[in-house]
Amino acid sequence: MLTERFGTSAPAVSSVGTIARDGTPATRETIVVGSEHGIDASSHAARRLMREHLTEASLVLAMTAEHRDAVALVDPLATTKTFTLKELVRLLEDLPAQERAGDPASLDLRIAEADARRRAGSAGNPHDEDVADPIGHPVETYRAVAWELAAWSERLVEALFGATPPLAAAERPSRTGESP
């Protein structure tokens, strides 16, 4: 999504877990559902959250409030750039429209705006901050979580960087099996 929009200037994205065991491979279900979405997770290896990950990151997105709170325990200074996915989307969508346009270089400013809105008392929806963890559930649950993540991720990119400018079909990178 970010690479399709920004090409080589897209912000880097990586993943760590609060209880992950370093080197653990992706589950079979993750690999299957990822491939259904054009993502090859077969070589994924889990990494456990460490302070260095937080100091290097411009933004830390947690899937649950519990994960967000775990980040604060590892590095309290990271709380200004740590949100649940849903929390950040809602905070950014509350900003006036003229403040919502941007490019990858504006990421730090947008995160600061969201944190300021949160500190000013924006309540959001504390009863719907978490994305369910599909581990241990059937592949259908993984599909439902993938759908939810895709929808929230699209909203996040638009809230961070503005509406996606339309590209001519020839300009759009093609995915395997798609024709322009």
N, C-alpha and C. Protein backbone atom coordinates (compact mmCIF):
# COMPACT_ATOMS: atom_id res chain seq x y z
N MET A 1 0.82 -1.19 0.00
CA MET A 1 0.00 0.00 0.00
C MET A 1 0.87 1.26 0.00
N LEU A 2 1.84 1.34 0.91
CA LEU A 2 2.71 2.51 0.96
C LEU A 2 3.65 2.56 -0.24
N THR A 3 4.19 1.41 -0.62
CA THR A 3 5.10 1.36 -1.78
C THR A 3 4.34 1.71 -3.05
N GLU A 4 3.11 1.23 -3.19
CA GLU A 4 2.31 1.57 -4.36
C GLU A 4 2.07 3.07 -4.43
N ARG A 5 1.95 3.70 -3.29
CA ARG A 5 1.65 5.13 -3.27
C ARG A 5 2.90 6.00 -3.39
N PHE A 6 3.98 5.63 -2.69
CA PHE A 6 5.14 6.50 -2.60
C PHE A 6 6.40 5.96 -3.27
N GLY A 7 6.34 4.74 -3.77
CA GLY A 7 7.52 4.15 -4.40
C GLY A 7 8.66 4.01 -3.40
N THR A 8 9.87 4.37 -3.82
CA THR A 8 11.05 4.19 -2.96
C THR A 8 11.09 5.17 -1.79
N SER A 9 10.26 6.20 -1.79
CA SER A 9 10.25 7.13 -0.65
C SER A 9 9.24 6.73 0.43
N ALA A 10 8.63 5.55 0.28
CA ALA A 10 7.66 5.07 1.26
C ALA A 10 8.33 4.85 2.61
N PRO A 11 7.63 5.17 3.69
CA PRO A 11 8.18 4.88 5.03
C PRO A 11 8.41 3.38 5.20
N ALA A 12 9.48 3.03 5.88
CA ALA A 12 9.78 1.63 6.17
C ALA A 12 8.81 1.11 7.22
N VAL A 13 8.45 -0.15 7.10
CA VAL A 13 7.53 -0.79 8.04
C VAL A 13 8.19 -2.08 8.52
N SER A 14 8.13 -2.32 9.83
CA SER A 14 8.64 -3.58 10.37
C SER A 14 7.73 -4.02 11.50
N SER A 15 7.96 -5.24 11.98
CA SER A 15 7.07 -5.82 12.98
C SER A 15 7.88 -6.43 14.11
N VAL A 16 7.41 -6.19 15.33
CA VAL A 16 7.96 -6.85 16.52
C VAL A 16 6.77 -7.22 17.40
N GLY A 17 7.00 -8.12 18.35
CA GLY A 17 5.93 -8.55 19.24
C GLY A 17 6.31 -8.38 20.69
N THR A 18 5.31 -8.16 21.52
CA THR A 18 5.58 -7.95 22.94
C THR A 18 5.90 -9.26 23.67
N ILE A 19 5.43 -10.38 23.13
CA ILE A 19 5.76 -11.67 23.74
C ILE A 19 6.34 -12.65 22.72
N ALA A 20 6.76 -12.13 21.59
CA ALA A 20 7.29 -12.98 20.52
C ALA A 20 8.60 -13.63 20.94
N ARG A 21 8.83 -14.81 20.38
CA ARG A 21 10.13 -15.47 20.53
C ARG A 21 10.91 -15.23 19.25
N ASP A 22 12.09 -14.64 19.38
CA ASP A 22 12.91 -14.35 18.21
C ASP A 22 13.07 -15.58 17.33
N GLY A 23 12.86 -15.37 16.05
CA GLY A 23 13.06 -16.43 15.07
C GLY A 23 11.87 -17.32 14.81
N THR A 24 10.79 -17.19 15.58
CA THR A 24 9.62 -18.03 15.36
C THR A 24 9.02 -17.72 13.99
N PRO A 25 8.77 -18.75 13.18
CA PRO A 25 8.21 -18.49 11.84
C PRO A 25 6.73 -18.12 11.91
N ALA A 26 6.25 -17.57 10.82
CA ALA A 26 4.82 -17.26 10.71
C ALA A 26 4.02 -18.56 10.76
N THR A 27 2.80 -18.49 11.27
CA THR A 27 1.94 -19.67 11.30
C THR A 27 1.53 -20.05 9.88
N ARG A 28 1.14 -21.29 9.73
CA ARG A 28 0.66 -21.75 8.42
C ARG A 28 -0.50 -20.88 7.94
N GLU A 29 -1.40 -20.55 8.86
CA GLU A 29 -2.56 -19.73 8.50
C GLU A 29 -2.14 -18.34 8.03
N THR A 30 -1.14 -17.77 8.68
CA THR A 30 -0.65 -16.46 8.27
C THR A 30 -0.09 -16.52 6.85
N ILE A 31 0.66 -17.55 6.57
CA ILE A 31 1.25 -17.71 5.24
C ILE A 31 0.15 -17.86 4.18
N VAL A 32 -0.85 -18.68 4.47
CA VAL A 32 -1.95 -18.90 3.53
C VAL A 32 -2.71 -17.60 3.27
N VAL A 33 -3.13 -16.94 4.35
CA VAL A 33 -3.93 -15.72 4.19
C VAL A 33 -3.08 -14.59 3.60
N GLY A 34 -1.83 -14.51 4.00
CA GLY A 34 -0.95 -13.52 3.40
C GLY A 34 -0.85 -13.71 1.90
N SER A 35 -0.68 -14.95 1.45
CA SER A 35 -0.57 -15.20 0.01
C SER A 35 -1.86 -14.82 -0.72
N GLU A 36 -3.00 -14.97 -0.05
CA GLU A 36 -4.27 -14.55 -0.65
C GLU A 36 -4.33 -13.04 -0.86
N HIS A 37 -3.49 -12.32 -0.13
CA HIS A 37 -3.43 -10.86 -0.24
C HIS A 37 -2.15 -10.39 -0.94
N GLY A 38 -1.45 -11.31 -1.58
CA GLY A 38 -0.25 -10.94 -2.31
C GLY A 38 0.97 -10.71 -1.45
N ILE A 39 0.97 -11.26 -0.24
CA ILE A 39 2.08 -11.09 0.69
C ILE A 39 2.74 -12.44 0.93
N ASP A 40 4.05 -12.48 0.79
CA ASP A 40 4.81 -13.71 1.05
C ASP A 40 5.37 -13.64 2.47
N ALA A 41 4.74 -14.34 3.39
CA ALA A 41 5.17 -14.35 4.79
C ALA A 41 5.97 -15.60 5.12
N SER A 42 6.33 -16.38 4.11
CA SER A 42 6.99 -17.66 4.36
C SER A 42 8.36 -17.52 5.01
N SER A 43 9.02 -16.41 4.83
CA SER A 43 10.34 -16.23 5.44
C SER A 43 10.30 -15.33 6.68
N HIS A 44 9.09 -14.98 7.12
CA HIS A 44 8.95 -14.13 8.30
C HIS A 44 9.54 -14.83 9.54
N ALA A 45 10.26 -14.06 10.33
CA ALA A 45 10.78 -14.55 11.61
C ALA A 45 10.44 -13.50 12.67
N ALA A 46 9.76 -13.92 13.71
CA ALA A 46 9.33 -13.01 14.76
C ALA A 46 10.53 -12.38 15.46
N ARG A 47 10.30 -11.16 15.96
CA ARG A 47 11.30 -10.46 16.77
C ARG A 47 10.61 -9.94 18.02
N ARG A 48 11.27 -10.05 19.14
CA ARG A 48 10.72 -9.55 20.40
C ARG A 48 11.02 -8.06 20.54
N LEU A 49 10.05 -7.31 21.03
CA LEU A 49 10.18 -5.88 21.23
C LEU A 49 11.36 -5.54 22.14
N MET A 50 12.20 -4.62 21.67
CA MET A 50 13.33 -4.13 22.45
C MET A 50 13.37 -2.61 22.35
N ARG A 51 14.00 -1.97 23.30
CA ARG A 51 14.07 -0.51 23.33
C ARG A 51 14.62 0.05 22.01
N GLU A 52 15.62 -0.63 21.41
CA GLU A 52 16.21 -0.13 20.17
C GLU A 52 15.16 0.01 19.06
N HIS A 53 14.21 -0.91 19.02
CA HIS A 53 13.15 -0.82 18.01
C HIS A 53 12.35 0.46 18.19
N LEU A 54 12.12 0.84 19.43
CA LEU A 54 11.31 2.01 19.72
C LEU A 54 12.06 3.30 19.44
N THR A 55 13.34 3.34 19.74
CA THR A 55 14.10 4.58 19.49
C THR A 55 14.28 4.81 18.00
N GLU A 56 14.32 3.75 17.21
CA GLU A 56 14.49 3.88 15.76
C GLU A 56 13.19 4.23 15.04
N ALA A 57 12.05 3.97 15.66
CA ALA A 57 10.75 4.11 15.00
C ALA A 57 10.23 5.54 15.06
N SER A 58 9.61 5.98 13.96
CA SER A 58 8.89 7.25 13.95
C SER A 58 7.49 7.08 14.51
N LEU A 59 6.95 5.88 14.35
CA LEU A 59 5.59 5.56 14.77
C LEU A 59 5.58 4.11 15.25
N VAL A 60 4.88 3.87 16.37
CA VAL A 60 4.71 2.51 16.88
C VAL A 60 3.21 2.24 16.91
N LEU A 61 2.78 1.26 16.11
CA LEU A 61 1.38 0.88 16.08
C LEU A 61 1.20 -0.44 16.80
N ALA A 62 0.32 -0.44 17.76
CA ALA A 62 0.01 -1.64 18.53
C ALA A 62 -1.35 -2.17 18.06
N MET A 63 -1.50 -3.46 18.13
CA MET A 63 -2.79 -4.05 17.76
C MET A 63 -3.78 -4.02 18.91
N THR A 64 -3.28 -3.90 20.15
CA THR A 64 -4.16 -3.86 21.31
C THR A 64 -3.67 -2.81 22.31
N ALA A 65 -4.58 -2.37 23.18
CA ALA A 65 -4.21 -1.44 24.24
C ALA A 65 -3.16 -2.07 25.15
N GLU A 66 -3.25 -3.38 25.37
CA GLU A 66 -2.27 -4.08 26.19
C GLU A 66 -0.87 -3.98 25.58
N HIS A 67 -0.78 -4.11 24.26
CA HIS A 67 0.51 -3.97 23.59
C HIS A 67 1.03 -2.53 23.71
N ARG A 68 0.14 -1.56 23.54
CA ARG A 68 0.53 -0.15 23.68
C ARG A 68 1.09 0.11 25.07
N ASP A 69 0.45 -0.46 26.09
CA ASP A 69 0.92 -0.29 27.47
C ASP A 69 2.26 -0.98 27.69
N ALA A 70 2.47 -2.12 27.02
CA ALA A 70 3.76 -2.83 27.14
C ALA A 70 4.89 -1.99 26.55
N VAL A 71 4.61 -1.26 25.48
CA VAL A 71 5.62 -0.36 24.90
C VAL A 71 6.03 0.67 25.92
N ALA A 72 5.08 1.24 26.64
CA ALA A 72 5.38 2.25 27.65
C ALA A 72 6.28 1.70 28.75
N LEU A 73 6.13 0.43 29.08
CA LEU A 73 7.00 -0.17 30.09
C LEU A 73 8.43 -0.34 29.59
N VAL A 74 8.58 -0.64 28.30
CA VAL A 74 9.91 -0.81 27.72
C VAL A 74 10.61 0.54 27.57
N ASP A 75 9.86 1.55 27.12
CA ASP A 75 10.44 2.88 26.92
C ASP A 75 9.36 3.94 27.09
N PRO A 76 9.26 4.54 28.27
CA PRO A 76 8.23 5.55 28.50
C PRO A 76 8.28 6.73 27.53
N LEU A 77 9.46 7.02 26.99
CA LEU A 77 9.57 8.13 26.05
C LEU A 77 8.87 7.84 24.72
N ALA A 78 8.61 6.57 24.44
CA ALA A 78 7.97 6.20 23.18
C ALA A 78 6.46 6.39 23.20
N THR A 79 5.88 6.75 24.33
CA THR A 79 4.42 6.86 24.42
C THR A 79 3.86 7.94 23.51
N THR A 80 4.63 8.98 23.20
CA THR A 80 4.12 10.05 22.34
C THR A 80 3.96 9.62 20.89
N LYS A 81 4.57 8.50 20.52
CA LYS A 81 4.47 8.01 19.15
C LYS A 81 3.89 6.59 19.09
N THR A 82 3.25 6.17 20.18
CA THR A 82 2.69 4.83 20.26
C THR A 82 1.17 4.91 20.41
N PHE A 83 0.47 4.20 19.53
CA PHE A 83 -0.99 4.20 19.49
C PHE A 83 -1.46 2.81 19.11
N THR A 84 -2.70 2.49 19.43
CA THR A 84 -3.28 1.34 18.76
C THR A 84 -3.63 1.80 17.35
N LEU A 85 -3.72 0.87 16.43
CA LEU A 85 -4.06 1.21 15.05
C LEU A 85 -5.36 1.98 14.99
N LYS A 86 -6.38 1.48 15.66
CA LYS A 86 -7.70 2.12 15.62
C LYS A 86 -7.68 3.49 16.30
N GLU A 87 -6.96 3.58 17.41
CA GLU A 87 -6.86 4.85 18.13
C GLU A 87 -6.26 5.92 17.22
N LEU A 88 -5.15 5.60 16.56
CA LEU A 88 -4.49 6.59 15.71
C LEU A 88 -5.38 6.99 14.54
N VAL A 89 -6.02 6.04 13.91
CA VAL A 89 -6.91 6.38 12.79
C VAL A 89 -7.98 7.35 13.25
N ARG A 90 -8.62 7.06 14.36
CA ARG A 90 -9.70 7.93 14.84
C ARG A 90 -9.19 9.32 15.20
N LEU A 91 -8.03 9.39 15.85
CA LEU A 91 -7.46 10.69 16.19
C LEU A 91 -7.16 11.50 14.94
N LEU A 92 -6.55 10.88 13.95
CA LEU A 92 -6.20 11.59 12.72
C LEU A 92 -7.43 11.98 11.93
N GLU A 93 -8.43 11.13 11.90
CA GLU A 93 -9.65 11.46 11.16
C GLU A 93 -10.41 12.61 11.81
N ASP A 94 -10.15 12.89 13.08
CA ASP A 94 -10.78 14.02 13.76
C ASP A 94 -10.13 15.35 13.42
N LEU A 95 -8.95 15.33 12.82
CA LEU A 95 -8.28 16.57 12.45
C LEU A 95 -9.03 17.24 11.30
N PRO A 96 -9.02 18.56 11.28
CA PRO A 96 -9.68 19.25 10.16
C PRO A 96 -9.07 18.82 8.82
N ALA A 97 -9.90 18.79 7.80
CA ALA A 97 -9.50 18.28 6.48
C ALA A 97 -8.26 18.98 5.93
N GLN A 98 -8.14 20.27 6.08
CA GLN A 98 -7.00 20.99 5.51
C GLN A 98 -5.68 20.60 6.15
N GLU A 99 -5.73 20.00 7.34
CA GLU A 99 -4.51 19.57 8.00
C GLU A 99 -4.15 18.12 7.68
N ARG A 100 -4.96 17.45 6.87
CA ARG A 100 -4.78 16.01 6.70
C ARG A 100 -3.96 15.63 5.48
N ALA A 101 -3.57 16.57 4.64
CA ALA A 101 -2.77 16.21 3.47
C ALA A 101 -1.31 16.09 3.85
N GLY A 102 -0.55 15.30 3.13
CA GLY A 102 0.86 15.18 3.43
C GLY A 102 1.58 14.17 2.58
N ASP A 103 2.84 13.99 2.88
CA ASP A 103 3.68 13.01 2.21
C ASP A 103 4.51 12.33 3.28
N PRO A 104 5.35 11.38 2.91
CA PRO A 104 6.11 10.66 3.94
C PRO A 104 6.94 11.57 4.85
N ALA A 105 7.39 12.70 4.33
CA ALA A 105 8.20 13.61 5.14
C ALA A 105 7.39 14.26 6.27
N SER A 106 6.06 14.24 6.16
CA SER A 106 5.21 14.87 7.18
C SER A 106 4.79 13.92 8.28
N LEU A 107 5.30 12.70 8.27
CA LEU A 107 4.87 11.68 9.23
C LEU A 107 5.06 12.13 10.68
N ASP A 108 6.22 12.66 11.04
CA ASP A 108 6.47 13.07 12.42
C ASP A 108 5.49 14.15 12.87
N LEU A 109 5.19 15.10 11.99
CA LEU A 109 4.23 16.15 12.31
C LEU A 109 2.84 15.56 12.55
N ARG A 110 2.43 14.63 11.70
CA ARG A 110 1.10 14.03 11.84
C ARG A 110 1.00 13.24 13.15
N ILE A 111 2.07 12.55 13.53
CA ILE A 111 2.06 11.79 14.77
C ILE A 111 1.98 12.74 15.96
N ALA A 112 2.71 13.85 15.89
CA ALA A 112 2.67 14.84 16.96
C ALA A 112 1.27 15.45 17.08
N GLU A 113 0.61 15.70 15.96
CA GLU A 113 -0.76 16.23 15.98
C GLU A 113 -1.71 15.23 16.64
N ALA A 114 -1.56 13.97 16.31
CA ALA A 114 -2.43 12.94 16.90
C ALA A 114 -2.18 12.83 18.40
N ASP A 115 -0.91 12.87 18.81
CA ASP A 115 -0.60 12.79 20.23
C ASP A 115 -1.16 14.00 20.97
N ALA A 116 -1.06 15.18 20.38
CA ALA A 116 -1.61 16.39 21.01
C ALA A 116 -3.13 16.27 21.18
N ARG A 117 -3.79 15.72 20.16
CA ARG A 117 -5.25 15.54 20.24
C ARG A 117 -5.58 14.54 21.36
N ARG A 118 -4.79 13.48 21.47
CA ARG A 118 -5.01 12.48 22.53
C ARG A 118 -4.81 13.13 23.89
N ARG A 119 -3.73 13.88 24.06
CA ARG A 119 -3.43 14.52 25.35
C ARG A 119 -4.46 15.59 25.72
N ALA A 120 -5.12 16.15 24.70
CA ALA A 120 -6.16 17.16 24.94
C ALA A 120 -7.46 16.52 25.40
N GLY A 121 -7.51 15.19 25.41
CA GLY A 121 -8.67 14.52 25.96
C GLY A 121 -9.58 13.85 24.96
N SER A 122 -9.15 13.70 23.72
CA SER A 122 -9.98 12.99 22.75
C SER A 122 -10.23 11.57 23.26
N ALA A 123 -11.49 11.25 23.46
CA ALA A 123 -11.85 9.97 24.07
C ALA A 123 -11.73 8.80 23.12
N GLY A 124 -11.92 9.03 21.83
CA GLY A 124 -11.88 7.92 20.89
C GLY A 124 -12.97 6.92 21.21
N ASN A 125 -12.66 5.66 21.10
CA ASN A 125 -13.60 4.60 21.45
C ASN A 125 -12.85 3.53 22.23
N PRO A 126 -12.69 3.70 23.54
CA PRO A 126 -11.90 2.75 24.32
C PRO A 126 -12.47 1.34 24.34
N HIS A 127 -13.70 1.18 23.89
CA HIS A 127 -14.32 -0.16 23.86
C HIS A 127 -14.04 -0.89 22.55
N ASP A 128 -13.38 -0.20 21.62
CA ASP A 128 -13.05 -0.82 20.33
C ASP A 128 -11.68 -0.34 19.87
N GLU A 129 -10.66 -0.64 20.64
CA GLU A 129 -9.29 -0.27 20.28
C GLU A 129 -8.50 -1.45 19.74
N ASP A 130 -8.91 -2.66 20.06
CA ASP A 130 -8.08 -3.83 19.78
C ASP A 130 -8.44 -4.51 18.46
N VAL A 131 -7.42 -5.07 17.83
CA VAL A 131 -7.58 -5.99 16.71
C VAL A 131 -7.39 -7.38 17.31
N ALA A 132 -8.31 -8.28 17.04
CA ALA A 132 -8.25 -9.63 17.61
C ALA A 132 -6.99 -10.37 17.17
N ASP A 133 -6.45 -11.16 18.06
CA ASP A 133 -5.30 -12.01 17.74
C ASP A 133 -5.83 -13.34 17.23
N PRO A 134 -5.53 -13.71 15.98
CA PRO A 134 -6.10 -14.93 15.43
C PRO A 134 -5.36 -16.22 15.82
N ILE A 135 -4.22 -16.11 16.49
CA ILE A 135 -3.43 -17.30 16.78
C ILE A 135 -4.26 -18.31 17.57
N GLY A 136 -4.22 -19.55 17.10
CA GLY A 136 -4.97 -20.63 17.74
C GLY A 136 -6.37 -20.81 17.19
N HIS A 137 -6.76 -19.94 16.27
CA HIS A 137 -8.09 -20.01 15.67
C HIS A 137 -8.00 -20.55 14.24
N PRO A 138 -9.11 -20.92 13.66
CA PRO A 138 -9.09 -21.44 12.29
C PRO A 138 -8.71 -20.36 11.27
N VAL A 139 -8.39 -20.78 10.07
CA VAL A 139 -7.95 -19.88 9.02
C VAL A 139 -9.00 -18.80 8.71
N GLU A 140 -10.26 -19.11 8.91
CA GLU A 140 -11.31 -18.12 8.67
C GLU A 140 -11.15 -16.90 9.58
N THR A 141 -10.69 -17.13 10.80
CA THR A 141 -10.44 -16.02 11.72
C THR A 141 -9.29 -15.16 11.21
N TYR A 142 -8.26 -15.79 10.68
CA TYR A 142 -7.14 -15.05 10.09
C TYR A 142 -7.64 -14.20 8.92
N ARG A 143 -8.55 -14.75 8.12
CA ARG A 143 -9.10 -13.98 7.00
C ARG A 143 -9.88 -12.77 7.49
N ALA A 144 -10.66 -12.96 8.54
CA ALA A 144 -11.43 -11.85 9.10
C ALA A 144 -10.51 -10.77 9.65
N VAL A 145 -9.45 -11.17 10.34
CA VAL A 145 -8.50 -10.20 10.88
C VAL A 145 -7.76 -9.50 9.74
N ALA A 146 -7.40 -10.23 8.69
CA ALA A 146 -6.73 -9.61 7.54
C ALA A 146 -7.64 -8.57 6.89
N TRP A 147 -8.91 -8.89 6.77
CA TRP A 147 -9.87 -7.93 6.21
C TRP A 147 -9.94 -6.68 7.08
N GLU A 148 -10.02 -6.89 8.40
CA GLU A 148 -10.09 -5.75 9.32
C GLU A 148 -8.83 -4.91 9.24
N LEU A 149 -7.66 -5.56 9.22
CA LEU A 149 -6.40 -4.82 9.12
C LEU A 149 -6.30 -4.04 7.81
N ALA A 150 -6.74 -4.64 6.72
CA ALA A 150 -6.69 -3.95 5.44
C ALA A 150 -7.55 -2.69 5.47
N ALA A 151 -8.75 -2.81 6.00
CA ALA A 151 -9.65 -1.66 6.06
C ALA A 151 -9.09 -0.54 6.94
N TRP A 152 -8.59 -0.90 8.12
CA TRP A 152 -8.04 0.11 9.02
C TRP A 152 -6.73 0.69 8.46
N SER A 153 -5.94 -0.12 7.77
CA SER A 153 -4.69 0.36 7.19
C SER A 153 -4.96 1.37 6.07
N GLU A 154 -5.97 1.10 5.25
CA GLU A 154 -6.34 2.06 4.21
C GLU A 154 -6.77 3.38 4.82
N ARG A 155 -7.56 3.31 5.87
CA ARG A 155 -7.98 4.53 6.56
C ARG A 155 -6.79 5.25 7.17
N LEU A 156 -5.84 4.50 7.72
CA LEU A 156 -4.65 5.10 8.32
C LEU A 156 -3.83 5.86 7.28
N VAL A 157 -3.57 5.23 6.15
CA VAL A 157 -2.77 5.89 5.11
C VAL A 157 -3.46 7.16 4.63
N GLU A 158 -4.76 7.10 4.42
CA GLU A 158 -5.48 8.30 3.99
C GLU A 158 -5.46 9.37 5.08
N ALA A 159 -5.62 8.98 6.34
CA ALA A 159 -5.62 9.96 7.43
C ALA A 159 -4.24 10.57 7.63
N LEU A 160 -3.19 9.80 7.41
CA LEU A 160 -1.83 10.33 7.55
C LEU A 160 -1.41 11.20 6.38
N PHE A 161 -1.75 10.77 5.17
CA PHE A 161 -1.17 11.38 3.98
C PHE A 161 -2.18 11.99 3.02
N GLY A 162 -3.47 11.95 3.34
CA GLY A 162 -4.48 12.49 2.45
C GLY A 162 -4.97 11.43 1.49
N ALA A 163 -5.97 11.81 0.70
CA ALA A 163 -6.55 10.88 -0.27
C ALA A 163 -5.50 10.44 -1.27
N THR A 164 -5.60 9.20 -1.69
CA THR A 164 -4.67 8.66 -2.67
C THR A 164 -4.91 9.32 -4.02
N PRO A 165 -3.86 9.93 -4.59
CA PRO A 165 -4.06 10.51 -5.92
C PRO A 165 -4.27 9.40 -6.94
N PRO A 166 -5.22 9.61 -7.85
CA PRO A 166 -5.46 8.56 -8.84
C PRO A 166 -4.25 8.41 -9.77
N LEU A 167 -3.89 7.17 -10.05
CA LEU A 167 -2.80 6.89 -10.97
C LEU A 167 -3.36 6.26 -12.22
N ALA A 168 -2.75 6.56 -13.33
CA ALA A 168 -3.12 5.88 -14.57
C ALA A 168 -2.77 4.41 -14.40
N ALA A 169 -3.50 3.53 -15.01
CA ALA A 169 -3.26 2.10 -14.87
C ALA A 169 -1.82 1.74 -15.21
N ALA A 170 -1.24 2.39 -16.18
CA ALA A 170 0.14 2.09 -16.57
C ALA A 170 1.14 2.48 -15.49
N GLU A 171 0.79 3.47 -14.64
CA GLU A 171 1.69 3.92 -13.59
C GLU A 171 1.62 3.03 -12.36
N ARG A 172 0.51 2.34 -12.17
CA ARG A 172 0.28 1.52 -10.99
C ARG A 172 1.12 0.25 -11.08
N PRO A 173 1.88 -0.06 -10.03
CA PRO A 173 2.61 -1.34 -10.05
C PRO A 173 1.62 -2.50 -10.10
N SER A 174 1.90 -3.50 -10.91
CA SER A 174 0.98 -4.63 -11.00
C SER A 174 1.40 -5.71 -10.02
N ARG A 175 0.44 -6.44 -9.51
CA ARG A 175 0.69 -7.58 -8.64
C ARG A 175 0.60 -8.83 -9.49
N THR A 176 1.20 -9.87 -9.02
CA THR A 176 1.16 -11.14 -9.75
C THR A 176 -0.27 -11.53 -10.03
N GLY A 177 -0.55 -11.86 -11.27
CA GLY A 177 -1.89 -12.30 -11.65
C GLY A 177 -2.85 -11.18 -12.01
N GLU A 178 -2.43 -9.91 -11.84
CA GLU A 178 -3.30 -8.80 -12.19
C GLU A 178 -2.87 -8.24 -13.53
N SER A 179 -3.82 -7.79 -14.29
CA SER A 179 -3.49 -7.11 -15.53
C SER A 179 -3.79 -5.63 -15.35
N PRO A 180 -3.06 -4.77 -16.06
CA PRO A 180 -3.28 -3.32 -15.89
C PRO A 180 -4.64 -2.87 -16.34
